[in-house]
Protein backbone atom coordinates (compact mmCIF):
# COMPACT_ATOMS: atom_id res chain seq x y z
CA LEU A 1 0.00 0.00 0.00
CA PRO A 2 2.74 2.59 0.83
CA LEU A 3 4.50 1.78 -2.46
CA ALA A 4 1.28 2.18 -4.43
CA ALA A 5 0.70 5.54 -2.74
CA ILE A 6 4.19 6.71 -3.67
CA VAL A 7 3.81 5.67 -7.32
CA ALA A 8 0.31 7.10 -7.69
CA GLY A 9 1.19 10.34 -5.92
CA GLY A 10 4.34 10.80 -7.98
CA TRP A 11 2.49 10.18 -11.27
CA ILE A 12 -0.28 12.65 -10.45
CA ILE A 13 2.19 15.39 -9.52
CA VAL A 14 4.32 14.73 -12.61
CA ALA A 15 1.24 14.74 -14.87
CA ARG A 16 0.06 18.07 -13.44
CA THR A 17 3.52 19.54 -13.84
CA ARG A 18 3.65 18.49 -17.51
CA ARG A 19 0.21 20.03 -18.05
CA ARG A 20 1.40 23.35 -16.64
CA VAL A 21 4.44 23.22 -18.90
CA ARG A 22 2.25 22.58 -21.99
CA LEU A 23 -0.03 25.47 -21.09
CA ARG A 24 2.91 27.82 -20.88
CA ARG A 25 4.16 26.72 -24.29
CA GLU A 26 0.93 27.37 -26.27
CA PRO A 27 1.34 29.61 -29.38
CA LEU A 28 2.04 33.21 -28.44
CA PRO A 29 1.16 36.39 -30.36
CA ALA A 30 3.66 37.29 -33.05
CA ASP A 31 4.79 40.44 -31.25
CA THR A 32 5.53 38.57 -28.05
CA PRO A 33 9.18 37.53 -27.80
CA VAL A 34 9.69 33.83 -26.99
CA CYS A 35 12.21 33.26 -24.25
CA GLY A 36 13.30 30.45 -21.95
CA ALA A 37 14.59 26.96 -22.59
CA ARG A 38 12.66 23.73 -22.87
CA ALA A 39 11.56 22.38 -19.47
CA GLY A 40 13.90 19.62 -18.23
CA TRP A 41 13.53 16.80 -15.76
CA GLY A 42 14.37 19.22 -12.96
CA VAL A 43 10.78 20.45 -13.19
CA TYR A 44 9.52 17.09 -11.96
CA VAL A 45 11.94 16.65 -9.07
CA PRO A 46 10.00 18.64 -6.42
CA GLY A 47 6.83 16.67 -7.13
CA ALA A 48 8.61 13.34 -6.92
CA VAL A 49 10.29 14.33 -3.66
CA ILE A 50 6.94 15.33 -2.14
CA ALA A 51 5.35 12.06 -3.26
CA LEU A 52 8.17 10.04 -1.74
CA ALA A 53 7.97 11.98 1.51
CA VAL A 54 4.21 11.48 1.75
CA GLY A 55 4.53 7.77 1.02
CA ALA A 56 7.34 7.31 3.54
CA GLY A 57 5.36 9.17 6.19
CA SER A 58 2.30 7.03 5.54
CA TYR A 59 4.37 3.87 5.80
CA ALA A 60 5.95 5.00 9.08
CA LEU A 61 2.57 5.83 10.59
CA THR A 62 1.05 2.57 9.39
CA GLY A 63 4.00 0.50 10.64
CA SER A 64 3.95 2.16 14.05
CA TYR A 65 0.21 1.66 14.32
CA GLN A 66 0.57 -2.04 13.53
CA GLN A 67 3.25 -2.45 16.20
CA VAL A 68 1.11 -0.70 18.81
CA ARG A 69 -1.87 -2.82 17.82
CA VAL A 70 0.10 -6.06 18.21
CA TRP A 71 1.36 -4.90 21.60
CA GLN A 72 -2.16 -3.98 22.76
CA GLN A 73 -3.55 -7.33 21.63
CA ALA A 74 -0.77 -9.23 23.38
CA THR A 75 -1.34 -7.29 26.61
CA ALA A 76 -5.08 -7.92 26.52
CA GLN A 77 -4.63 -11.64 25.80
CA THR A 78 -1.94 -12.25 28.44
CA PRO A 79 -4.27 -13.39 31.29
CA GLY A 80 -6.01 -15.95 29.09
CA LEU A 81 -2.78 -17.21 27.53
CA LEU A 82 -1.14 -17.47 30.94
CA ALA A 83 -4.07 -19.45 32.32
CA ARG A 84 -3.85 -21.89 29.41
CA ALA A 85 -0.09 -22.24 29.78
CA LEU A 86 -0.47 -23.16 33.46
CA ASP A 87 -3.39 -25.55 32.95
CA PRO A 88 -2.18 -29.07 32.02
CA GLN A 89 -5.68 -29.93 30.78
CA ALA A 90 -5.92 -26.94 28.42
CA GLN A 91 -4.89 -26.88 24.77
CA PRO A 92 -1.14 -26.14 24.55
CA LEU A 93 -0.13 -22.75 23.19
CA ASN A 94 1.26 -22.65 19.67
CA GLU A 95 4.42 -20.71 18.81
CA GLU A 96 2.56 -17.51 17.88
CA GLU A 97 0.61 -17.57 21.13
CA MET A 98 3.80 -18.19 23.09
CA ALA A 99 5.38 -15.16 21.42
CA ARG A 100 2.35 -13.02 22.37
CA LEU A 101 2.54 -14.33 25.93
CA ALA A 102 6.22 -13.39 26.12
CA LEU A 103 5.44 -9.87 24.87
CA GLY A 104 2.61 -9.50 27.39
CA LEU A 105 4.76 -10.76 30.26
CA ARG A 106 7.59 -8.35 29.39
CA THR A 107 5.08 -5.50 29.38
CA ARG A 108 3.71 -6.48 32.79
CA LEU A 109 7.16 -6.89 34.30
CA GLN A 110 8.11 -3.36 33.32
CA ASN A 111 5.66 -2.21 35.99
CA ASP A 112 6.23 -5.15 38.35
CA ALA A 113 9.95 -5.85 38.16
CA GLY A 114 10.00 -7.53 41.59
CA ASN A 115 7.67 -10.35 40.55
CA VAL A 116 9.82 -13.49 40.76
CA GLU A 117 7.09 -15.78 39.40
CA GLY A 118 6.59 -13.45 36.44
CA TRP A 119 10.28 -13.60 35.55
CA LEU A 120 10.25 -17.38 35.92
CA MET A 121 7.30 -17.67 33.55
CA LEU A 122 9.02 -15.39 31.02
CA GLY A 123 12.16 -17.51 31.33
CA ARG A 124 10.22 -20.72 30.64
CA THR A 125 8.50 -19.07 27.68
CA GLY A 126 11.85 -17.94 26.30
CA MET A 127 13.22 -21.48 26.59
CA VAL A 128 10.23 -22.93 24.72
CA LEU A 129 10.66 -20.32 21.96
CA GLY A 130 14.38 -20.99 21.76
CA ASN A 131 15.07 -17.34 22.61
CA ALA A 132 18.27 -17.60 24.65
CA GLY A 133 18.45 -13.87 25.37
CA THR A 134 14.93 -13.69 26.78
CA ALA A 135 15.32 -16.88 28.82
CA THR A 136 18.71 -16.01 30.28
CA GLY A 137 17.74 -12.44 31.12
CA ALA A 138 14.46 -13.46 32.75
CA TYR A 139 15.99 -16.24 34.83
CA ALA A 140 18.86 -13.95 35.83
CA ASN A 141 16.36 -11.42 37.20
CA ALA A 142 14.45 -14.13 39.09
CA TYR A 143 17.69 -15.51 40.57
CA ARG A 144 18.89 -12.04 41.53
CA LEU A 145 15.61 -11.35 43.33
CA ASP A 146 15.54 -14.72 45.12
CA PRO A 147 18.84 -16.67 45.04
CA LYS A 148 17.36 -19.40 47.26
CA ASN A 149 14.52 -20.09 44.82
CA ARG A 150 15.28 -23.54 43.38
CA ASP A 151 13.35 -22.96 40.14
CA ALA A 152 15.13 -19.65 39.57
CA ALA A 153 18.57 -21.13 40.20
CA LEU A 154 17.94 -24.23 38.10
CA GLY A 155 16.36 -22.27 35.24
CA TYR A 156 19.23 -19.78 35.21
CA ALA A 157 21.81 -22.58 35.28
CA GLU A 158 20.10 -24.41 32.41
CA ALA A 159 19.90 -21.25 30.30
CA LEU A 160 23.60 -20.57 30.89
CA THR A 161 24.62 -24.12 29.95
CA ARG A 162 22.73 -23.81 26.66
CA SER A 163 24.45 -20.54 25.76
CA SER A 164 26.96 -20.36 22.91
CA ASP A 165 29.28 -18.37 25.19
CA PRO A 166 31.89 -20.59 26.95
CA GLU A 167 31.94 -18.24 29.93
CA ASP A 168 28.17 -18.66 30.34
CA ASN A 169 28.66 -22.43 30.17
CA ARG A 170 31.29 -22.25 32.91
CA ARG A 171 29.07 -20.14 35.16
CA GLY A 172 26.13 -22.46 34.56
CA GLY A 173 28.23 -25.50 35.47
CA GLU A 174 29.41 -23.81 38.66
CA LEU A 175 25.84 -22.98 39.66
CA LEU A 176 24.77 -26.58 39.00
CA ARG A 177 27.66 -27.83 41.12
CA GLN A 178 26.37 -25.71 44.00
CA LEU A 179 22.86 -27.09 43.54
CA VAL A 180 24.13 -30.68 43.55
CA SER A 181 26.09 -30.04 46.75
CA ARG A 182 22.86 -28.91 48.43
CA ASP A 183 20.76 -31.86 47.24
CA HIS A 184 22.14 -35.13 45.87
CA THR A 185 18.68 -36.58 45.20
CA ASP A 186 17.29 -34.17 42.60
CA ILE A 187 17.22 -36.11 39.31
CA ARG A 188 16.80 -33.04 37.14
CA VAL A 189 19.70 -31.18 38.77
CA LEU A 190 21.93 -34.26 38.46
CA SER A 191 20.97 -34.71 34.81
CA LEU A 192 21.75 -31.10 33.91
CA TYR A 193 24.98 -31.21 35.89
CA ALA A 194 26.12 -34.41 34.14
CA PHE A 195 25.32 -32.96 30.72
CA SER A 196 27.12 -29.70 31.52
CA ALA A 197 30.19 -31.53 32.83
CA PHE A 198 30.29 -33.78 29.75
CA GLU A 199 30.03 -30.80 27.38
CA GLN A 200 32.91 -29.10 29.20
CA GLN A 201 34.94 -32.35 29.01
CA ARG A 202 34.84 -32.91 32.77
CA PHE A 203 34.08 -36.57 32.16
CA GLY A 204 34.81 -37.78 35.69
CA GLU A 205 32.21 -35.40 37.14
CA ALA A 206 29.69 -36.41 34.48
CA VAL A 207 30.13 -40.12 35.27
CA ALA A 208 29.79 -39.48 39.01
CA ALA A 209 26.52 -37.59 38.48
CA TRP A 210 25.09 -40.28 36.19
CA GLU A 211 26.05 -43.05 38.62
CA MET A 212 24.28 -41.13 41.36
CA MET A 213 21.18 -40.98 39.15
CA LEU A 214 21.28 -44.75 38.63
CA LYS A 215 21.11 -45.24 42.39
CA LEU A 216 17.99 -43.08 42.56
CA LEU A 217 16.05 -44.49 39.59
CA PRO A 218 13.94 -47.65 39.94
CA ALA A 219 15.11 -50.82 38.20
CA GLY A 220 12.59 -50.69 35.37
CA ASP A 221 13.03 -47.01 34.50
CA ALA A 222 13.65 -46.48 30.77
CA ARG A 223 16.15 -43.72 31.52
CA ARG A 224 18.61 -46.18 33.00
CA ALA A 225 19.64 -47.53 29.58
CA VAL A 226 20.34 -44.01 28.28
CA ILE A 227 22.38 -43.15 31.37
CA GLU A 228 24.41 -46.35 31.14
CA ARG A 229 25.27 -45.61 27.50
CA SER A 230 26.28 -42.08 28.48
CA ILE A 231 28.55 -43.43 31.21
CA ARG A 232 30.28 -45.79 28.76
CA LEU A 233 30.73 -42.95 26.28
CA ALA A 234 32.26 -40.67 28.93
CA GLN A 235 34.60 -43.42 30.14
CA GLU A 236 35.92 -43.85 26.60
CA LYS A 237 36.97 -40.21 26.44
């Protein structure tokens, strides 16, 4: 639409300019001296510039309006989307709905920055969307507000271990080591710690964590076979 407006506006202005030029060049009385050169393309430049400016302005206004509209819709839909996300019986959110939920949560947290649960939810949403920046930043805020919150610490550690930055990976591994030292029976913490240690080539630590998991899992658990293969792989390194 903005492009069509630019083209149409430019054509109308150019056509009117040509008409004015033709009117000026109609036959003159014989006693009237003819002066001036033939009109060049410079005559059309002001009209084209105006048309482009009008079109660009229209596009900017339209684009801004669309952004505001998307933001308003996301804010209005946040309560319903959040309720669905927290209800295991409800229909799962699709990717577009998750993106709207993330936008709505960010908007809410601007006015409620001390809400630990809000930051945790934004962190989980960022992880589902594969948005490392959103997830890491949200979990970092939750952990800063409540360092003793297990979900905040574990979420932050997981986000750091998934980062492409080696320093983030190191910090995530250190945080997981602290969590393991507090509780040797948390399967999820042990699993993340083993994976982090393996990725950082600390194979002895990875094997120790997996062996600890084997002691906690029941005999018929399907995860045991995966863990045993992981242990053999780490021991071969």
